[in-house]
Amino acid sequence: MNAQLIFTFLLSLVCTSLPGQVDASAYLPRPFGQILLERKTCADPASDLNVCTEIHKYQTQLTYLGEMRPITGQKAELLKSLQISWKALPNVVKFFATYHQEILVTSKGIKEWIPIQDSLIPEVKQYLKPNHDFLAFLVVPGAIRSELVFVLTRFDELD
């Protein structure tokens, strides 16, 4: 992996660590289904945990289904492995350490559990109701086999 890609990846993570620091213009607007197609290269069905070689940021409209749960299993392992891989960079470790819960969302029949930063949980509970549409700001750090993993860094309510 070349040094410029590593630097871009790390800089992107540091810049998205807090909701107030999320620059919406850095997130490509895409329908959720298109994101799945574009980032298919991050997924490898032959490998359990895959890390993308560069950071990908998207904004997309999703519908909150009103469910939240702790992150477990291989998704938790992927987020933990990212912390371990970048242990020399405390900001990156802090970024991935802020994810303990995930919310259930849908887009055109595709349901997805998406990890959410701890700092956003009170806002989700306050502003999003079941079946509420919102604009999601997502980062794609990797995949579990052929399933992409997203993390939510910010959301905006939609009228």
Protein backbone atom coordinates (compact mmCIF):
# COMPACT_ATOMS: atom_id res chain seq x y z
CA MET A 1 0.00 0.00 0.00
CA ASN A 2 1.54 3.33 -0.96
CA ALA A 3 2.26 6.01 1.63
CA GLN A 4 -0.03 8.58 0.00
CA LEU A 5 -3.04 6.24 0.25
CA ILE A 6 -2.28 5.55 3.90
CA PHE A 7 -1.96 9.26 4.60
CA THR A 8 -5.25 10.01 2.78
CA PHE A 9 -7.01 7.24 4.71
CA LEU A 10 -5.73 8.46 8.07
CA LEU A 11 -6.36 12.13 7.36
CA SER A 12 -9.92 11.33 6.28
CA LEU A 13 -10.57 9.41 9.49
CA VAL A 14 -9.23 12.17 11.69
CA CYS A 15 -11.35 14.74 9.86
CA THR A 16 -14.54 12.74 10.37
CA SER A 17 -14.06 11.96 14.05
CA LEU A 18 -16.70 14.33 15.41
CA PRO A 19 -20.12 15.21 13.94
CA GLY A 20 -19.38 18.95 14.13
CA GLN A 21 -16.25 18.42 12.03
CA VAL A 22 -17.95 16.57 9.18
CA ASP A 23 -17.57 18.54 5.96
CA ALA A 24 -20.67 17.57 3.98
CA SER A 25 -19.01 18.56 0.69
CA ALA A 26 -16.40 15.79 1.21
CA TYR A 27 -19.17 13.15 1.04
CA LEU A 28 -20.27 12.10 -2.44
CA PRO A 29 -24.07 12.14 -2.86
CA ARG A 30 -25.18 8.70 -4.04
CA PRO A 31 -28.24 6.45 -3.80
CA PHE A 32 -27.50 3.62 -1.34
CA GLY A 33 -27.74 0.94 -4.04
CA GLN A 34 -25.12 2.75 -6.12
CA ILE A 35 -22.76 2.91 -3.12
CA LEU A 36 -23.03 -0.87 -2.80
CA LEU A 37 -22.04 -1.27 -6.44
CA GLU A 38 -19.21 1.29 -6.37
CA ARG A 39 -17.56 -0.14 -3.27
CA LYS A 40 -17.94 -3.79 -4.28
CA THR A 41 -14.16 -3.81 -4.86
CA CYS A 42 -13.61 -3.47 -1.09
CA ALA A 43 -15.37 -6.79 -0.54
CA ASP A 44 -13.66 -10.16 -1.01
CA PRO A 45 -15.88 -13.23 -0.48
CA ALA A 46 -12.77 -15.35 0.19
CA SER A 47 -11.59 -13.21 3.12
CA ASP A 48 -13.43 -12.74 6.41
CA LEU A 49 -12.29 -9.17 7.15
CA ASN A 50 -11.32 -6.70 4.43
CA VAL A 51 -10.04 -3.17 4.93
CA CYS A 52 -10.47 -0.64 2.10
CA THR A 53 -7.16 0.79 0.91
CA GLU A 54 -8.57 4.30 0.85
CA ILE A 55 -11.39 6.06 2.65
CA HIS A 56 -14.72 6.44 0.87
CA LYS A 57 -17.31 8.94 2.08
CA TYR A 58 -20.89 9.12 0.91
CA GLN A 59 -24.09 10.94 1.72
CA THR A 60 -27.29 9.08 1.02
CA GLN A 61 -30.92 9.08 2.05
CA LEU A 62 -31.91 6.26 4.40
CA THR A 63 -34.95 5.39 6.49
CA TYR A 64 -34.47 4.74 10.20
CA LEU A 65 -36.40 1.65 11.32
CA GLY A 66 -36.35 2.48 15.04
CA GLU A 67 -34.02 -0.30 16.19
CA MET A 68 -30.63 -0.02 17.87
CA ARG A 69 -28.34 -2.76 19.20
CA PRO A 70 -24.74 -3.31 20.31
CA ILE A 71 -22.23 -4.05 17.56
CA THR A 72 -21.17 -7.68 17.82
CA GLY A 73 -19.55 -10.44 15.83
CA GLN A 74 -17.31 -9.86 12.87
CA LYS A 75 -18.36 -6.23 12.47
CA ALA A 76 -17.06 -5.52 15.99
CA GLU A 77 -13.90 -7.47 15.11
CA LEU A 78 -13.36 -5.37 11.98
CA LEU A 79 -13.68 -2.11 13.92
CA LYS A 80 -11.34 -3.45 16.61
CA SER A 81 -8.79 -4.62 14.03
CA LEU A 82 -8.75 -1.12 12.54
CA GLN A 83 -7.92 0.26 16.01
CA ILE A 84 -5.11 -2.27 16.40
CA SER A 85 -3.75 -1.71 12.88
CA TRP A 86 -3.45 2.02 13.46
CA LYS A 87 -2.46 1.96 17.15
CA ALA A 88 0.45 4.33 16.46
CA LEU A 89 -2.09 7.03 15.53
CA PRO A 90 -4.26 7.84 18.57
CA ASN A 91 -6.83 9.89 16.61
CA VAL A 92 -7.61 6.93 14.35
CA VAL A 93 -7.89 4.60 17.34
CA LYS A 94 -10.21 7.11 19.03
CA PHE A 95 -12.32 7.35 15.88
CA PHE A 96 -13.03 3.61 15.73
CA ALA A 97 -13.37 3.36 19.52
CA THR A 98 -16.47 5.62 19.37
CA TYR A 99 -18.61 2.92 17.77
CA HIS A 100 -20.48 0.56 20.12
CA GLN A 101 -24.05 0.63 18.78
CA GLU A 102 -25.62 0.23 15.37
CA ILE A 103 -28.97 1.29 13.96
CA LEU A 104 -31.21 -0.52 11.50
CA VAL A 105 -31.91 1.40 8.32
CA THR A 106 -33.44 0.65 4.95
CA SER A 107 -33.25 1.97 1.42
CA LYS A 108 -35.45 0.60 -1.36
CA GLY A 109 -35.89 -2.73 0.39
CA ILE A 110 -32.24 -3.13 1.40
CA LYS A 111 -31.92 -3.39 5.20
CA GLU A 112 -28.58 -2.62 6.83
CA TRP A 113 -27.24 -2.38 10.37
CA ILE A 114 -24.94 0.66 10.43
CA PRO A 115 -22.60 1.46 13.34
CA ILE A 116 -23.18 4.92 14.78
CA GLN A 117 -20.82 7.10 16.80
CA ASP A 118 -21.65 7.14 20.49
CA SER A 119 -22.01 10.93 20.41
CA LEU A 120 -24.85 10.66 17.86
CA ILE A 121 -27.02 8.24 19.87
CA PRO A 122 -28.84 10.94 21.91
CA GLU A 123 -29.54 12.88 18.69
CA VAL A 124 -30.91 9.79 16.95
CA LYS A 125 -33.19 9.11 19.91
CA GLN A 126 -34.35 12.73 19.97
CA TYR A 127 -34.79 13.47 16.26
CA LEU A 128 -35.38 10.22 14.40
CA LYS A 129 -38.57 8.26 14.79
CA PRO A 130 -39.28 4.86 13.23
CA ASN A 131 -39.74 5.11 9.45
CA HIS A 132 -38.16 8.58 9.49
CA ASP A 133 -36.06 9.49 6.42
CA PHE A 134 -32.71 11.17 7.02
CA LEU A 135 -29.55 12.12 5.16
CA ALA A 136 -26.75 9.81 6.30
CA PHE A 137 -23.05 10.65 6.09
CA LEU A 138 -21.28 7.31 5.77
CA VAL A 139 -17.69 6.13 5.72
CA VAL A 140 -16.82 2.72 4.25
CA PRO A 141 -13.81 1.32 6.15
CA GLY A 142 -14.05 -2.26 4.87
CA ALA A 143 -16.11 -5.37 4.42
CA ILE A 144 -16.88 -8.73 5.95
CA ARG A 145 -16.56 -11.18 3.09
CA SER A 146 -18.81 -9.67 0.39
CA GLU A 147 -20.80 -7.44 2.81
CA LEU A 148 -19.65 -3.82 3.06
CA VAL A 149 -19.36 -2.23 6.50
CA PHE A 150 -20.46 1.38 6.91
CA VAL A 151 -20.07 3.75 9.82
CA LEU A 152 -22.31 6.78 10.36
CA THR A 153 -20.42 9.99 11.13
CA ARG A 154 -23.31 12.47 10.94
CA PHE A 155 -26.95 12.70 9.95
CA ASP A 156 -29.30 15.48 8.92
CA GLU A 157 -33.05 15.38 9.27
CA LEU A 158 -35.10 15.58 6.10
CA ASP A 159 -38.35 17.52 5.99
